[in-house]
C-alpha atoms as a PDB file:
ATOM      1  CA  MET A   1      -0.040   0.173   0.045  1.00  0.00           C
ATOM      2  CA  PRO A   2       1.813   3.193  -0.804  1.00  0.00           C
ATOM      3  CA  VAL A   3       2.153   5.904   1.913  1.00  0.00           C
ATOM      4  CA  HIS A   4       0.686   9.262   0.732  1.00  0.00           C
ATOM      5  CA  THR A   5       2.018  12.596   1.810  1.00  0.00           C
ATOM      6  CA  SER A   6       0.578  15.975   2.178  1.00  0.00           C
ATOM      7  CA  GLN A   7       2.120  18.266  -0.425  1.00  0.00           C
ATOM      8  CA  GLY A   8       0.979  21.743  -2.094  1.00  0.00           C
ATOM      9  CA  PRO A   9      -1.934  24.054  -0.862  1.00  0.00           C
ATOM     10  CA  GLN A  10      -4.555  21.226  -0.210  1.00  0.00           C
ATOM     11  CA  GLY A  11      -2.035  19.393   1.758  1.00  0.00           C
ATOM     12  CA  HIS A  12      -1.210  22.359   3.823  1.00  0.00           C
ATOM     13  CA  ARG A  13      -5.160  22.897   4.230  1.00  0.00           C
ATOM     14  CA  ALA A  14      -5.814  19.694   5.329  1.00  0.00           C
ATOM     15  CA  ARG A  15      -3.054  19.581   7.787  1.00  0.00           C
ATOM     16  CA  GLY A  16      -4.213  23.235   9.223  1.00  0.00           C
ATOM     17  CA  VAL A  17      -7.638  21.250   9.578  1.00  0.00           C
ATOM     18  CA  GLY A  18      -6.275  18.457  11.070  1.00  0.00           C
ATOM     19  CA  LEU A  19      -4.202  20.290  13.949  1.00  0.00           C
ATOM     20  CA  GLY A  20      -7.899  22.339  14.705  1.00  0.00           C
ATOM     21  CA  LEU A  21      -9.428  19.006  15.121  1.00  0.00           C
ATOM     22  CA  ALA A  22      -6.980  17.751  17.142  1.00  0.00           C
ATOM     23  CA  PHE A  23      -6.942  20.648  19.118  1.00  0.00           C
ATOM     24  CA  ALA A  24     -10.807  20.487  19.659  1.00  0.00           C
ATOM     25  CA  SER A  25     -10.250  16.767  20.812  1.00  0.00           C
ATOM     26  CA  ALA A  26      -7.832  18.049  23.639  1.00  0.00           C
ATOM     27  CA  VAL A  27     -10.206  20.524  24.777  1.00  0.00           C
ATOM     28  CA  ALA A  28     -13.189  18.544  24.663  1.00  0.00           C
ATOM     29  CA  PHE A  29     -11.482  15.349  26.476  1.00  0.00           C
ATOM     30  CA  GLY A  30      -9.799  18.248  28.670  1.00  0.00           C
ATOM     31  CA  GLY A  31     -13.309  19.373  29.943  1.00  0.00           C
ATOM     32  CA  SER A  32     -14.529  16.311  31.140  1.00  0.00           C
ATOM     33  CA  GLY A  33     -13.418  16.130  34.397  1.00  0.00           C
ATOM     34  CA  ILE A  34     -14.072  19.918  34.804  1.00  0.00           C
ATOM     35  CA  ALA A  35     -17.923  18.891  34.180  1.00  0.00           C
ATOM     36  CA  ALA A  36     -18.043  15.865  36.255  1.00  0.00           C
ATOM     37  CA  LYS A  37     -16.552  16.924  39.287  1.00  0.00           C
ATOM     38  CA  PRO A  38     -19.488  19.156  40.488  1.00  0.00           C
ATOM     39  CA  LEU A  39     -21.848  16.384  39.684  1.00  0.00           C
ATOM     40  CA  ILE A  40     -19.928  14.093  41.983  1.00  0.00           C
ATOM     41  CA  GLU A  41     -19.732  17.023  44.889  1.00  0.00           C
ATOM     42  CA  ALA A  42     -23.779  17.143  44.190  1.00  0.00           C
ATOM     43  CA  GLY A  43     -24.023  13.641  45.435  1.00  0.00           C
ATOM     44  CA  LEU A  44     -24.007  11.657  42.619  1.00  0.00           C
ATOM     45  CA  ASP A  45     -21.185   8.489  42.746  1.00  0.00           C
ATOM     46  CA  PRO A  46     -18.368   8.749  40.627  1.00  0.00           C
ATOM     47  CA  LEU A  47     -19.056   4.990  39.034  1.00  0.00           C
ATOM     48  CA  HIS A  48     -22.835   6.170  38.063  1.00  0.00           C
ATOM     49  CA  VAL A  49     -21.287   9.417  36.229  1.00  0.00           C
ATOM     50  CA  VAL A  50     -18.836   7.165  34.560  1.00  0.00           C
ATOM     51  CA  TRP A  51     -22.190   4.769  33.641  1.00  0.00           C
ATOM     52  CA  LEU A  52     -24.088   7.993  32.696  1.00  0.00           C
ATOM     53  CA  ARG A  53     -21.473   9.296  30.434  1.00  0.00           C
ATOM     54  CA  VAL A  54     -20.304   6.182  28.555  1.00  0.00           C
ATOM     55  CA  THR A  55     -23.877   4.770  28.294  1.00  0.00           C
ATOM     56  CA  GLY A  56     -25.145   8.175  26.792  1.00  0.00           C
ATOM     57  CA  ALA A  57     -22.182   8.428  24.108  1.00  0.00           C
ATOM     58  CA  ALA A  58     -22.788   4.485  23.274  1.00  0.00           C
ATOM     59  CA  LEU A  59     -26.416   5.387  22.507  1.00  0.00           C
ATOM     60  CA  VAL A  60     -25.553   8.338  20.263  1.00  0.00           C
ATOM     61  CA  MET A  61     -22.761   6.259  18.364  1.00  0.00           C
ATOM     62  CA  LEU A  62     -25.338   3.370  18.111  1.00  0.00           C
ATOM     63  CA  PRO A  63     -25.695   3.904  14.288  1.00  0.00           C
ATOM     64  CA  LEU A  64     -22.514   3.711  13.919  1.00  0.00           C
ATOM     65  CA  ALA A  65     -22.421   0.267  15.654  1.00  0.00           C
ATOM     66  CA  VAL A  66     -24.826  -0.884  13.392  1.00  0.00           C
ATOM     67  CA  ARG A  67     -22.865   0.092  10.542  1.00  0.00           C
ATOM     68  CA  HIS A  68     -19.666  -1.666  11.594  1.00  0.00           C
ATOM     69  CA  ARG A  69     -21.584  -4.910  12.686  1.00  0.00           C
ATOM     70  CA  ALA A  70     -19.303  -7.001  11.153  1.00  0.00           C
ATOM     71  CA  LEU A  71     -16.695  -5.979  13.479  1.00  0.00           C
ATOM     72  CA  LEU A  72     -18.286  -8.497  16.095  1.00  0.00           C
ATOM     73  CA  ARG A  73     -17.508 -11.408  13.996  1.00  0.00           C
ATOM     74  CA  ARG A  74     -14.180 -10.386  12.719  1.00  0.00           C
ATOM     75  CA  ARG A  75     -12.694  -8.748  16.010  1.00  0.00           C
ATOM     76  CA  PRO A  76     -14.527  -9.737  19.199  1.00  0.00           C
ATOM     77  CA  ALA A  77     -11.433 -10.048  21.260  1.00  0.00           C
ATOM     78  CA  LEU A  78     -10.457  -6.204  20.186  1.00  0.00           C
ATOM     79  CA  LEU A  79     -13.756  -4.920  21.051  1.00  0.00           C
ATOM     80  CA  ALA A  80     -13.924  -6.373  24.145  1.00  0.00           C
ATOM     81  CA  GLY A  81     -10.331  -5.560  25.399  1.00  0.00           C
ATOM     82  CA  PHE A  82     -10.871  -1.805  23.832  1.00  0.00           C
ATOM     83  CA  GLY A  83     -14.509  -1.812  26.175  1.00  0.00           C
ATOM     84  CA  LEU A  84     -12.926  -3.281  28.857  1.00  0.00           C
ATOM     85  CA  LEU A  85      -9.736  -0.848  29.341  1.00  0.00           C
ATOM     86  CA  ALA A  86     -10.216   2.031  26.952  1.00  0.00           C
ATOM     87  CA  VAL A  87     -13.831   3.181  28.078  1.00  0.00           C
ATOM     88  CA  ALA A  88     -14.768   1.254  31.591  1.00  0.00           C
ATOM     89  CA  GLY A  89     -11.355   1.085  32.811  1.00  0.00           C
ATOM     90  CA  VAL A  90      -9.811   4.736  32.207  1.00  0.00           C
ATOM     91  CA  GLN A  91     -13.261   6.361  32.681  1.00  0.00           C
ATOM     92  CA  ALA A  92     -13.830   4.590  36.317  1.00  0.00           C
ATOM     93  CA  CYS A  93     -10.294   5.339  37.427  1.00  0.00           C
ATOM     94  CA  TYR A  94     -10.402   8.532  36.313  1.00  0.00           C
ATOM     95  CA  PHE A  95     -13.785   9.750  37.581  1.00  0.00           C
ATOM     96  CA  ALA A  96     -12.973   7.884  41.146  1.00  0.00           C
ATOM     97  CA  ALA A  97      -9.711   9.695  41.298  1.00  0.00           C
ATOM     98  CA  ILE A  98     -10.692  13.078  40.786  1.00  0.00           C
ATOM     99  CA  SER A  99     -13.391  12.884  43.260  1.00  0.00           C
ATOM    100  CA  ARG A 100     -10.296  12.945  45.924  1.00  0.00           C
ATOM    101  CA  ILE A 101      -7.785  14.721  44.130  1.00  0.00           C
ATOM    102  CA  PRO A 102      -7.850  17.790  41.915  1.00  0.00           C
ATOM    103  CA  VAL A 103      -8.481  17.435  38.506  1.00  0.00           C
ATOM    104  CA  GLY A 104      -5.227  18.565  37.172  1.00  0.00           C
ATOM    105  CA  VAL A 105      -3.014  15.816  39.064  1.00  0.00           C
ATOM    106  CA  ALA A 106      -5.254  13.250  38.169  1.00  0.00           C
ATOM    107  CA  LEU A 107      -4.810  13.707  34.425  1.00  0.00           C
ATOM    108  CA  LEU A 108      -1.374  14.309  34.820  1.00  0.00           C
ATOM    109  CA  VAL A 109      -1.182  11.202  36.702  1.00  0.00           C
ATOM    110  CA  GLU A 110      -2.743   9.463  34.002  1.00  0.00           C
ATOM    111  CA  TYR A 111      -0.603  10.797  31.260  1.00  0.00           C
ATOM    112  CA  LEU A 112       1.831   8.344  32.982  1.00  0.00           C
ATOM    113  CA  GLY A 113       0.130   5.648  30.243  1.00  0.00           C
ATOM    114  CA  PRO A 114       2.365   6.370  27.356  1.00  0.00           C
ATOM    115  CA  ALA A 115       5.439   5.909  29.610  1.00  0.00           C
ATOM    116  CA  LEU A 116       3.945   2.621  30.462  1.00  0.00           C
ATOM    117  CA  VAL A 117       3.662   1.968  26.843  1.00  0.00           C
ATOM    118  CA  LEU A 118       7.176   2.441  26.384  1.00  0.00           C
ATOM    119  CA  GLY A 119       8.103   0.153  28.921  1.00  0.00           C
ATOM    120  CA  TRP A 120       5.772  -2.769  27.387  1.00  0.00           C
ATOM    121  CA  VAL A 121       7.530  -1.818  24.223  1.00  0.00           C
ATOM    122  CA  ARG A 122      10.909  -2.658  25.713  1.00  0.00           C
ATOM    123  CA  PHE A 123      10.376  -5.045  28.485  1.00  0.00           C
ATOM    124  CA  VAL A 124       7.445  -7.273  27.023  1.00  0.00           C
ATOM    125  CA  GLN A 125       7.960  -7.343  23.504  1.00  0.00           C
ATOM    126  CA  ARG A 126      12.021  -6.960  23.516  1.00  0.00           C
ATOM    127  CA  ARG A 127      11.990  -4.080  21.175  1.00  0.00           C
ATOM    128  CA  ARG A 128      14.168  -1.058  21.381  1.00  0.00           C
ATOM    129  CA  VAL A 129      13.355   1.984  22.428  1.00  0.00           C
ATOM    130  CA  ALA A 130      14.603   5.354  21.123  1.00  0.00           C
ATOM    131  CA  ARG A 131      16.813   7.232  23.332  1.00  0.00           C
ATOM    132  CA  GLY A 132      14.411  10.116  23.028  1.00  0.00           C
ATOM    133  CA  ALA A 133      11.384   8.205  24.183  1.00  0.00           C
ATOM    134  CA  ALA A 134      13.420   6.907  27.460  1.00  0.00           C
ATOM    135  CA  VAL A 135      14.231  10.723  28.428  1.00  0.00           C
ATOM    136  CA  GLY A 136      10.916  11.733  27.637  1.00  0.00           C
ATOM    137  CA  VAL A 137       9.823   9.279  30.572  1.00  0.00           C
ATOM    138  CA  VAL A 138      12.701  10.245  32.912  1.00  0.00           C
ATOM    139  CA  LEU A 139      11.280  13.896  32.547  1.00  0.00           C
ATOM    140  CA  ALA A 140       7.710  12.837  32.894  1.00  0.00           C
ATOM    141  CA  VAL A 141       8.416  10.812  36.266  1.00  0.00           C
ATOM    142  CA  GLY A 142      10.515  13.487  37.425  1.00  0.00           C
ATOM    143  CA  GLY A 143       7.786  15.932  36.885  1.00  0.00           C
ATOM    144  CA  LEU A 144       5.099  13.543  38.368  1.00  0.00           C
ATOM    145  CA  ALA A 145       7.334  13.763  41.775  1.00  0.00           C
ATOM    146  CA  CYS A 146       7.064  17.484  41.846  1.00  0.00           C
ATOM    147  CA  VAL A 147       3.534  17.218  40.995  1.00  0.00           C
ATOM    148  CA  VAL A 148       2.584  15.082  44.086  1.00  0.00           C
ATOM    149  CA  GLU A 149       4.724  16.917  46.210  1.00  0.00           C
ATOM    150  CA  VAL A 150       6.790  13.423  47.165  1.00  0.00           C
ATOM    151  CA  TRP A 151       9.131  15.992  49.834  1.00  0.00           C
ATOM    152  CA  SER A 152       6.047  16.356  51.925  1.00  0.00           C
ATOM    153  CA  GLY A 153       5.148  12.835  52.389  1.00  0.00           C
ATOM    154  CA  LEU A 154       2.675  12.745  49.416  1.00  0.00           C
ATOM    155  CA  GLY A 155       0.311  15.295  50.687  1.00  0.00           C
ATOM    156  CA  PHE A 156      -2.534  13.972  48.177  1.00  0.00           C
ATOM    157  CA  ASP A 157      -4.943  11.398  49.071  1.00  0.00           C
ATOM    158  CA  ALA A 158      -3.121   8.198  48.498  1.00  0.00           C
ATOM    159  CA  VAL A 159      -6.252   6.207  47.301  1.00  0.00           C
ATOM    160  CA  GLY A 160      -6.950   8.869  44.872  1.00  0.00           C
ATOM    161  CA  LEU A 161      -3.006   8.925  43.451  1.00  0.00           C
ATOM    162  CA  LEU A 162      -3.692   5.212  43.043  1.00  0.00           C
ATOM    163  CA  LEU A 163      -6.560   5.454  41.311  1.00  0.00           C
ATOM    164  CA  ALA A 164      -4.807   7.757  38.680  1.00  0.00           C
ATOM    165  CA  LEU A 165      -2.422   5.230  38.276  1.00  0.00           C
ATOM    166  CA  ALA A 166      -4.873   2.464  37.410  1.00  0.00           C
ATOM    167  CA  ALA A 167      -5.916   5.218  34.828  1.00  0.00           C
ATOM    168  CA  ALA A 168      -2.775   5.338  33.634  1.00  0.00           C
ATOM    169  CA  CYS A 169      -2.447   1.903  33.109  1.00  0.00           C
ATOM    170  CA  CYS A 170      -5.764   1.262  31.392  1.00  0.00           C
ATOM    171  CA  GLN A 171      -4.643   4.375  29.047  1.00  0.00           C
ATOM    172  CA  ALA A 172      -1.333   2.284  28.323  1.00  0.00           C
ATOM    173  CA  GLY A 173      -3.970  -0.896  26.960  1.00  0.00           C
ATOM    174  CA  TYR A 174      -5.818   1.637  25.197  1.00  0.00           C
ATOM    175  CA  PHE A 175      -2.360   2.430  23.087  1.00  0.00           C
ATOM    176  CA  VAL A 176      -1.628  -1.070  22.669  1.00  0.00           C
ATOM    177  CA  LEU A 177      -5.025  -2.171  21.691  1.00  0.00           C
ATOM    178  CA  SER A 178      -5.270   0.444  19.348  1.00  0.00           C
ATOM    179  CA  ASP A 179      -2.097  -0.544  17.533  1.00  0.00           C
ATOM    180  CA  GLN A 180      -3.701  -4.359  16.724  1.00  0.00           C
ATOM    181  CA  GLY A 181      -4.781  -4.664  13.318  1.00  0.00           C
ATOM    182  CA  ALA A 182      -3.077  -1.566  11.860  1.00  0.00           C
ATOM    183  CA  ASP A 183      -0.988  -3.458   9.592  1.00  0.00           C
ATOM    184  CA  ALA A 184      -4.119  -5.337   7.944  1.00  0.00           C
ATOM    185  CA  GLY A 185      -4.605  -2.375   5.635  1.00  0.00           C
ATOM    186  CA  GLU A 186      -8.021  -2.397   3.857  1.00  0.00           C
ATOM    187  CA  GLU A 187      -9.119  -5.191   6.481  1.00  0.00           C
ATOM    188  CA  ALA A 188      -8.416  -3.239   9.251  1.00  0.00           C
ATOM    189  CA  PRO A 189     -10.992  -2.532  11.897  1.00  0.00           C
ATOM    190  CA  HIS A 190     -12.447   0.846  11.459  1.00  0.00           C
ATOM    191  CA  PRO A 191     -11.625   3.168  14.202  1.00  0.00           C
ATOM    192  CA  LEU A 192     -15.142   4.724  14.251  1.00  0.00           C
ATOM    193  CA  GLY A 193     -16.651   1.146  14.610  1.00  0.00           C
ATOM    194  CA  VAL A 194     -13.968   0.199  17.530  1.00  0.00           C
ATOM    195  CA  ILE A 195     -15.195   3.207  19.394  1.00  0.00           C
ATOM    196  CA  ALA A 196     -18.947   2.854  19.041  1.00  0.00           C
ATOM    197  CA  TYR A 197     -18.473  -0.989  20.022  1.00  0.00           C
ATOM    198  CA  GLY A 198     -16.220   0.031  22.855  1.00  0.00           C
ATOM    199  CA  LEU A 199     -18.751   2.198  24.454  1.00  0.00           C
ATOM    200  CA  LEU A 200     -21.229  -0.287  24.440  1.00  0.00           C
ATOM    201  CA  VAL A 201     -19.085  -3.127  25.888  1.00  0.00           C
ATOM    202  CA  GLY A 202     -18.105  -0.574  28.586  1.00  0.00           C
ATOM    203  CA  ALA A 203     -21.615   0.704  28.922  1.00  0.00           C
ATOM    204  CA  LEU A 204     -22.127  -3.037  29.771  1.00  0.00           C
ATOM    205  CA  VAL A 205     -19.441  -3.774  31.964  1.00  0.00           C
ATOM    206  CA  LEU A 206     -20.469  -0.604  33.915  1.00  0.00           C
ATOM    207  CA  THR A 207     -24.188  -1.286  34.307  1.00  0.00           C
ATOM    208  CA  VAL A 208     -23.099  -4.675  36.451  1.00  0.00           C
ATOM    209  CA  VAL A 209     -20.584  -2.688  38.052  1.00  0.00           C
ATOM    210  CA  ALA A 210     -22.209   1.054  39.005  1.00  0.00           C
ATOM    211  CA  ARG A 211     -25.826  -0.629  39.603  1.00  0.00           C
ATOM    212  CA  PRO A 212     -27.310   2.509  38.093  1.00  0.00           C
ATOM    213  CA  TRP A 213     -30.761   1.405  39.435  1.00  0.00           C
ATOM    214  CA  THR A 214     -29.409   2.634  42.864  1.00  0.00           C
ATOM    215  CA  MET A 215     -28.534   6.234  41.622  1.00  0.00           C
ATOM    216  CA  ASP A 216     -30.457   9.022  42.923  1.00  0.00           C
ATOM    217  CA  TRP A 217     -32.262   9.949  39.753  1.00  0.00           C
ATOM    218  CA  SER A 218     -33.424  13.225  41.092  1.00  0.00           C
ATOM    219  CA  LEU A 219     -30.138  14.601  41.294  1.00  0.00           C
ATOM    220  CA  LEU A 220     -29.995  15.303  38.202  1.00  0.00           C
ATOM    221  CA  ALA A 221     -33.166  17.215  38.083  1.00  0.00           C
ATOM    222  CA  GLY A 222     -31.487  19.624  40.537  1.00  0.00           C
ATOM    223  CA  SER A 223     -28.437  21.885  40.007  1.00  0.00           C
ATOM    224  CA  ALA A 224     -24.724  21.351  40.861  1.00  0.00           C
ATOM    225  CA  ARG A 225     -22.226  23.993  42.209  1.00  0.00           C
ATOM    226  CA  MET A 226     -19.123  24.907  39.981  1.00  0.00           C
ATOM    227  CA  ASP A 227     -16.906  27.044  42.565  1.00  0.00           C
ATOM    228  CA  GLY A 228     -19.795  28.187  44.200  1.00  0.00           C
ATOM    229  CA  THR A 229     -22.297  28.870  41.081  1.00  0.00           C
ATOM    230  CA  PRO A 230     -24.974  26.855  40.760  1.00  0.00           C
ATOM    231  CA  VAL A 231     -24.995  24.970  37.389  1.00  0.00           C
ATOM    232  CA  PRO A 232     -28.162  22.801  36.327  1.00  0.00           C
ATOM    233  CA  ALA A 233     -26.829  19.091  36.624  1.00  0.00           C
ATOM    234  CA  TRP A 234     -28.500  18.064  33.154  1.00  0.00           C
ATOM    235  CA  LEU A 235     -26.322  20.628  31.776  1.00  0.00           C
ATOM    236  CA  LEU A 236     -22.852  19.475  32.928  1.00  0.00           C
ATOM    237  CA  LEU A 237     -24.357  15.792  32.291  1.00  0.00           C
ATOM    238  CA  ALA A 238     -24.938  16.965  28.459  1.00  0.00           C
ATOM    239  CA  TRP A 239     -21.338  18.296  28.335  1.00  0.00           C
ATOM    240  CA  VAL A 240     -19.806  15.208  29.588  1.00  0.00           C
ATOM    241  CA  VAL A 241     -21.803  12.825  26.926  1.00  0.00           C
ATOM    242  CA  LEU A 242     -21.697  15.123  23.906  1.00  0.00           C
ATOM    243  CA  ILE A 243     -18.845  17.178  23.995  1.00  0.00           C
ATOM    244  CA  ALA A 244     -16.106  15.299  26.472  1.00  0.00           C
ATOM    245  CA  THR A 245     -17.142  11.892  24.903  1.00  0.00           C
ATOM    246  CA  VAL A 246     -19.049  11.745  21.259  1.00  0.00           C
ATOM    247  CA  VAL A 247     -17.156  15.139  20.246  1.00  0.00           C
ATOM    248  CA  ALA A 248     -13.986  14.228  21.507  1.00  0.00           C
ATOM    249  CA  TYR A 249     -13.799  11.000  20.345  1.00  0.00           C
ATOM    250  CA  VAL A 250     -14.740  11.495  16.692  1.00  0.00           C
ATOM    251  CA  THR A 251     -12.676  14.510  16.293  1.00  0.00           C
ATOM    252  CA  GLY A 252      -9.619  12.919  17.432  1.00  0.00           C
ATOM    253  CA  VAL A 253     -10.316   9.890  14.694  1.00  0.00           C
ATOM    254  CA  LEU A 254     -10.616  12.952  11.900  1.00  0.00           C
ATOM    255  CA  SER A 255      -7.537  14.625  13.578  1.00  0.00           C
ATOM    256  CA  VAL A 256      -5.352  11.502  13.187  1.00  0.00           C
ATOM    257  CA  ARG A 257      -7.089  10.725   9.417  1.00  0.00           C
ATOM    258  CA  ARG A 258      -5.551  14.350   8.674  1.00  0.00           C
ATOM    259  CA  LEU A 259      -2.276  14.237  10.517  1.00  0.00           C
ATOM    260  CA  SER A 260      -0.287  11.231  11.701  1.00  0.00           C
ATOM    261  CA  PRO A 261      -1.032   9.678  14.969  1.00  0.00           C
ATOM    262  CA  GLN A 262       2.456  10.730  16.415  1.00  0.00           C
ATOM    263  CA  VAL A 263       1.354  14.384  15.491  1.00  0.00           C
ATOM    264  CA  ALA A 264      -2.415  13.977  16.694  1.00  0.00           C
ATOM    265  CA  GLY A 265      -0.949  12.618  19.981  1.00  0.00           C
ATOM    266  CA  VAL A 266       1.529  15.685  20.835  1.00  0.00           C
ATOM    267  CA  VAL A 267      -1.421  17.956  20.169  1.00  0.00           C
ATOM    268  CA  ALA A 268      -3.721  15.628  22.664  1.00  0.00           C
ATOM    269  CA  CYS A 269      -0.752  16.298  25.437  1.00  0.00           C
ATOM    270  CA  LEU A 270      -2.429  20.015  25.438  1.00  0.00           C
ATOM    271  CA  GLU A 271      -5.218  17.925  27.254  1.00  0.00           C
ATOM    272  CA  ALA A 272      -3.238  17.965  30.723  1.00  0.00           C
ATOM    273  CA  VAL A 273      -2.580  21.917  30.107  1.00  0.00           C
ATOM    274  CA  ILE A 274      -6.425  22.400  29.194  1.00  0.00           C
ATOM    275  CA  ALA A 275      -7.801  20.415  32.480  1.00  0.00           C
ATOM    276  CA  THR A 276      -5.450  22.168  34.599  1.00  0.00           C
ATOM    277  CA  VAL A 277      -6.397  25.779  33.438  1.00  0.00           C
ATOM    278  CA  LEU A 278      -9.948  24.995  33.468  1.00  0.00           C
ATOM    279  CA  ALA A 279      -9.761  23.158  36.986  1.00  0.00           C
ATOM    280  CA  TRP A 280      -7.989  26.657  38.081  1.00  0.00           C
ATOM    281  CA  VAL A 281     -10.628  29.081  36.366  1.00  0.00           C
ATOM    282  CA  LEU A 282     -13.993  27.018  36.873  1.00  0.00           C
ATOM    283  CA  LEU A 283     -13.338  25.117  40.124  1.00  0.00           C
ATOM    284  CA  GLY A 284     -10.707  26.849  41.985  1.00  0.00           C
ATOM    285  CA  GLU A 285      -8.131  24.267  42.287  1.00  0.00           C
ATOM    286  CA  HIS A 286      -5.348  26.425  42.713  1.00  0.00           C
ATOM    287  CA  LEU A 287      -1.863  24.492  42.270  1.00  0.00           C
ATOM    288  CA  SER A 288       1.639  25.633  44.086  1.00  0.00           C
ATOM    289  CA  ALA A 289       4.025  26.795  41.921  1.00  0.00           C
ATOM    290  CA  PRO A 290       6.556  23.751  42.245  1.00  0.00           C
ATOM    291  CA  GLN A 291       3.267  21.694  41.177  1.00  0.00           C
ATOM    292  CA  LEU A 292       2.877  24.126  38.034  1.00  0.00           C
ATOM    293  CA  LEU A 293       6.244  23.503  37.400  1.00  0.00           C
ATOM    294  CA  GLY A 294       6.308  19.628  37.930  1.00  0.00           C
ATOM    295  CA  GLY A 295       2.973  19.547  35.494  1.00  0.00           C
ATOM    296  CA  ALA A 296       5.361  21.404  32.607  1.00  0.00           C
ATOM    297  CA  VAL A 297       7.835  18.962  32.964  1.00  0.00           C
ATOM    298  CA  VAL A 298       5.477  16.141  32.650  1.00  0.00           C
ATOM    299  CA  LEU A 299       4.106  17.657  29.491  1.00  0.00           C
ATOM    300  CA  MET A 300       7.643  18.361  28.510  1.00  0.00           C
ATOM    301  CA  GLY A 301       8.794  14.519  29.019  1.00  0.00           C
ATOM    302  CA  ALA A 302       5.263  13.652  26.715  1.00  0.00           C
ATOM    303  CA  LEU A 303       6.246  15.685  24.068  1.00  0.00           C
ATOM    304  CA  VAL A 304      10.305  14.704  24.082  1.00  0.00           C
ATOM    305  CA  ALA A 305       8.972  11.098  23.840  1.00  0.00           C
ATOM    306  CA  GLN A 306       6.148  11.639  21.289  1.00  0.00           C
ATOM    307  CA  SER A 307       8.534  13.670  18.907  1.00  0.00           C
ATOM    308  CA  SER A 308      11.352  11.040  19.048  1.00  0.00           C
ATOM    309  CA  THR A 309       8.671   8.376  18.388  1.00  0.00           C
ATOM    310  CA  SER A 310       7.716  10.724  15.000  1.00  0.00           C
ATOM    311  CA  ALA A 311      11.255  11.085  13.783  1.00  0.00           C
ATOM    312  CA  LYS A 312      11.955   7.238  14.453  1.00  0.00           C
ATOM    313  CA  ALA A 313       8.599   6.911  12.279  1.00  0.00           C
ATOM    314  CA  SER A 314       9.600   9.395   9.714  1.00  0.00           C
ATOM    315  CA  GLN A 315      12.876   7.498   9.432  1.00  0.00           C
ATOM    316  CA  GLY A 316      10.919   4.198   8.654  1.00  0.00           C
ATOM    317  CA  LEU A 317       8.634   6.159   6.099  1.00  0.00           C
ATOM    318  CA  VAL A 318      11.900   6.658   4.267  1.00  0.00           C
ATOM    319  CA  VAL A 319      13.280   3.077   4.361  1.00  0.00           C
ATOM    320  CA  GLY A 320      10.043   1.914   3.184  1.00  0.00           C
ATOM    321  CA  GLY A 321      10.000   4.234   0.421  1.00  0.00           C
ATOM    322  CA  ALA A 322      13.052   3.732  -0.976  1.00  0.00           C
ATOM    323  CA  ASP A 323      12.821  -0.229  -0.828  1.00  0.00           C
ATOM    324  CA  GLU A 324       9.553   0.319  -2.463  1.00  0.00           C
ATOM    325  CA  ALA A 325      11.046   1.822  -5.056  1.00  0.00           C
ATOM    326  CA  VAL A 326      13.372  -0.595  -6.387  1.00  0.00           C
ATOM    327  CA  ALA A 327      10.699  -3.568  -5.655  1.00  0.00           C
ATOM    328  CA  ASP A 328      10.996  -4.001  -9.482  1.00  0.00           C
ATOM    329  CA  GLY A 329      14.381  -6.057  -8.878  1.00  0.00           C
ATOM    330  CA  ASP A 330      12.795  -8.217  -5.737  1.00  0.00           C
ATOM    331  CA  GLY A 331       8.962  -7.291  -5.608  1.00  0.00           C
ATOM    332  CA  ALA A 332       8.610  -9.546  -2.651  1.00  0.00           C
ATOM    333  CA  ALA A 333      11.421  -8.157  -0.410  1.00  0.00           C
ATOM    334  CA  GLY A 334      10.273  -4.561  -1.723  1.00  0.00           C
ATOM    335  CA  ALA A 335       6.938  -5.236  -0.163  1.00  0.00           C
ATOM    336  CA  ALA A 336       7.710  -6.753   3.071  1.00  0.00           C
ATOM    337  CA  ASP A 337      10.306  -3.566   3.501  1.00  0.00           C
ATOM    338  CA  ALA A 338       7.475  -1.152   2.695  1.00  0.00           C
ATOM    339  CA  GLY A 339       5.070  -3.088   4.898  1.00  0.00           C
ATOM    340  CA  ARG A 340       7.493  -2.623   7.413  1.00  0.00           C
ATOM    341  CA  GLY A 341       7.861   0.859   6.940  1.00  0.00           C
ATOM    342  CA  GLU A 342       4.032   1.632   7.063  1.00  0.00           C
ATOM    343  CA  ARG A 343       3.834  -0.486  10.236  1.00  0.00           C
ATOM    344  CA  GLU A 344       5.917   2.185  11.668  1.00  0.00           C
ATOM    345  CA  LEU A 345       3.260   4.707  11.142  1.00  0.00           C
ATOM    346  CA  SER A 346       0.792   2.596  12.621  1.00  0.00           C
ATOM    347  CA  GLY A 347       0.576   3.642  16.289  1.00  0.00           C
ATOM    348  CA  ARG A 348      -2.746   4.992  17.329  1.00  0.00           C
ATOM    349  CA  GLY A 349      -2.485   8.033  19.318  1.00  0.00           C
ATOM    350  CA  PRO A 350      -5.361   9.037  21.881  1.00  0.00           C
ATOM    351  CA  GLY A 351      -8.054   9.885  19.562  1.00  0.00           C
ATOM    352  CA  ALA A 352      -7.409   7.192  17.298  1.00  0.00           C
END
């Protein structure tokens, strides 16, 4: 399969649209905790909020699930794993974490997920990791130490931090699962179909775990306080379902289609910054100077790791393209090398 590159005015325009979509996805994802935390503080259990979010989004995406129903037969394990880890696991652990620790801290801890993916690649798959990626991991861990203020004996709730780390592990599983089948060409599972069925599987799992029939539904008819300001609960829930879930996933997928997954992943790192700023402005969650510095270091580490991965993928593209160009002399070998070049580009970012 040939690798297409974006050149000329149309290519630049498509790249600009892709960057805009990636930024919109980061804003949408970053606002999830800001809208969910007031609902939790109003009396809703974190698991109930997660169930409402996932189930509502699953109903919205149901037409896409019907359209891609062949995935049930072709990729049942992928859909089950995606629903358990990328949907139910990430959301449940993250929302439970923000009920105990600040939104910005929970999201920054969750962003250890990419570092865990590198550990999976290096120690489980026994593949080499770029030096820049390893430097990025060290920066991220060092920044995290500043965020949680290890010198003060972990001033944050220990259970909240463990829940955020669990969300990071589930996020790592998201990245690993998103890469499955990416080298299958036209047989690769459609990302929108995977998202739709992942939401459905997540909703089914969370129904058993959260037991929504025990929820106090009357709370949704009332209001929740956002830094002292009353806001209708249904409006916050609508934001969580439509914007922070459906729009976030769809714009993320569309951005990856116009950019490479690596570039879209770099833009997605803005999610932590956006969430921290929104939590500061809307929820009054003020962080200290060392914590802000640590957050910046965490993001810097993520950017270094992502940039290193992107550069390595670009090198893979050059090698793959060269081998494909000389494939006239040895078609089988050229096709195999070109496939490896494309495989380097197949890593899925958060919006994939």
